[in-house]
Amino acid sequence: MGAALALAERGRGRTAPNPNVGCVIVRDGRVVGRGWTQAGGRPHAEAMALTEAGTNARGGYGLRDAGAVRASVSARARV
């Protein structure tokens, strides 16, 4: 969760109209993808993380047992 929050902070003040979001994809205790919502709100954090995770994220066996941690940070919050 801490890593997802830190990623969300990267977009602070630049993601409107979307919130600041960070996403980390983990498989077998290893981070295989990470992302944060980009300037203007696109692409979303989850899409970035899945892209970084690679082709296995598109339904292949490689990420079948993976999990995602997603965190949103309010524009007024401080982490």
Protein backbone atom coordinates (compact mmCIF):
# COMPACT_ATOMS: atom_id res chain seq x y z
CA MET A 1 0.00 0.00 0.00
CA GLY A 2 2.85 2.36 0.79
CA ALA A 3 4.35 1.89 -2.67
CA ALA A 4 0.96 2.59 -4.32
CA LEU A 5 0.53 5.74 -2.22
CA ALA A 6 4.03 6.93 -3.15
CA LEU A 7 3.23 6.40 -6.84
CA ALA A 8 -0.04 8.32 -6.46
CA GLU A 9 1.94 11.27 -5.12
CA ARG A 10 3.83 11.51 -8.43
CA GLY A 11 0.67 12.80 -10.11
CA ARG A 12 -0.30 15.29 -7.41
CA GLY A 13 -1.77 18.44 -8.91
CA ARG A 14 -1.64 17.17 -12.50
CA THR A 15 -4.32 14.46 -12.84
CA ALA A 16 -7.52 16.54 -12.92
CA PRO A 17 -10.28 15.73 -13.48
CA ASN A 18 -9.23 12.31 -12.13
CA PRO A 19 -7.85 11.60 -8.65
CA ASN A 20 -4.19 10.88 -7.89
CA VAL A 21 -3.96 7.07 -8.09
CA GLY A 22 -1.05 4.65 -7.79
CA CYS A 23 -1.15 0.95 -8.65
CA VAL A 24 1.30 -1.88 -7.94
CA ILE A 25 0.92 -5.42 -9.37
CA VAL A 26 2.56 -8.16 -7.31
CA ARG A 27 3.15 -11.83 -8.11
CA ASP A 28 4.96 -14.26 -5.83
CA GLY A 29 6.13 -11.39 -3.61
CA ARG A 30 7.70 -9.49 -6.54
CA VAL A 31 6.50 -6.23 -8.03
CA VAL A 32 5.91 -6.91 -11.73
CA GLY A 33 4.17 -3.66 -12.67
CA ARG A 34 3.63 -0.16 -11.32
CA GLY A 35 1.94 2.96 -12.52
CA TRP A 36 0.31 6.25 -11.56
CA THR A 37 -2.34 8.40 -13.20
CA GLN A 38 -0.64 10.68 -15.70
CA ALA A 39 -1.10 14.38 -16.38
CA GLY A 40 -4.61 15.18 -17.54
CA GLY A 41 -5.93 11.95 -15.99
CA ARG A 42 -4.90 9.53 -18.76
CA PRO A 43 -3.61 6.90 -18.88
CA HIS A 44 -4.88 5.55 -15.60
CA ALA A 45 -2.54 4.03 -13.02
CA GLU A 46 -3.93 0.53 -13.51
CA ALA A 47 -3.38 0.61 -17.28
CA MET A 48 0.22 1.76 -16.79
CA ALA A 49 0.88 -1.01 -14.25
CA LEU A 50 -0.59 -3.69 -16.52
CA THR A 51 1.44 -2.43 -19.48
CA GLU A 52 4.63 -2.59 -17.43
CA ALA A 53 3.74 -6.08 -16.24
CA GLY A 54 3.87 -7.17 -19.88
CA THR A 55 2.00 -9.48 -22.16
CA ASN A 56 1.31 -11.98 -19.39
CA ALA A 57 -1.09 -9.44 -17.88
CA ARG A 58 -3.41 -9.87 -20.84
CA GLY A 59 -4.84 -13.17 -19.62
CA GLY A 60 -1.75 -15.34 -19.90
CA TYR A 61 -0.66 -17.79 -17.22
CA GLY A 62 2.16 -15.55 -16.02
CA LEU A 63 -0.02 -13.25 -13.90
CA ARG A 64 -2.88 -15.59 -13.11
CA ASP A 65 -2.04 -15.49 -9.39
CA ALA A 66 -1.00 -11.84 -9.29
CA GLY A 67 -2.71 -9.20 -7.20
CA ALA A 68 -3.06 -5.46 -7.53
CA VAL A 69 -2.79 -2.81 -4.85
CA ARG A 70 -4.45 0.47 -5.78
CA ALA A 71 -4.36 3.65 -3.72
CA SER A 72 -5.96 7.02 -4.25
CA VAL A 73 -4.67 10.18 -2.62
CA SER A 74 -6.94 13.16 -2.10
CA ALA A 75 -5.70 16.40 -3.62
CA ARG A 76 -5.74 17.85 -0.11
CA ALA A 77 -4.11 14.89 1.68
CA ARG A 78 -0.47 14.72 2.63
CA VAL A 79 1.29 11.38 2.81
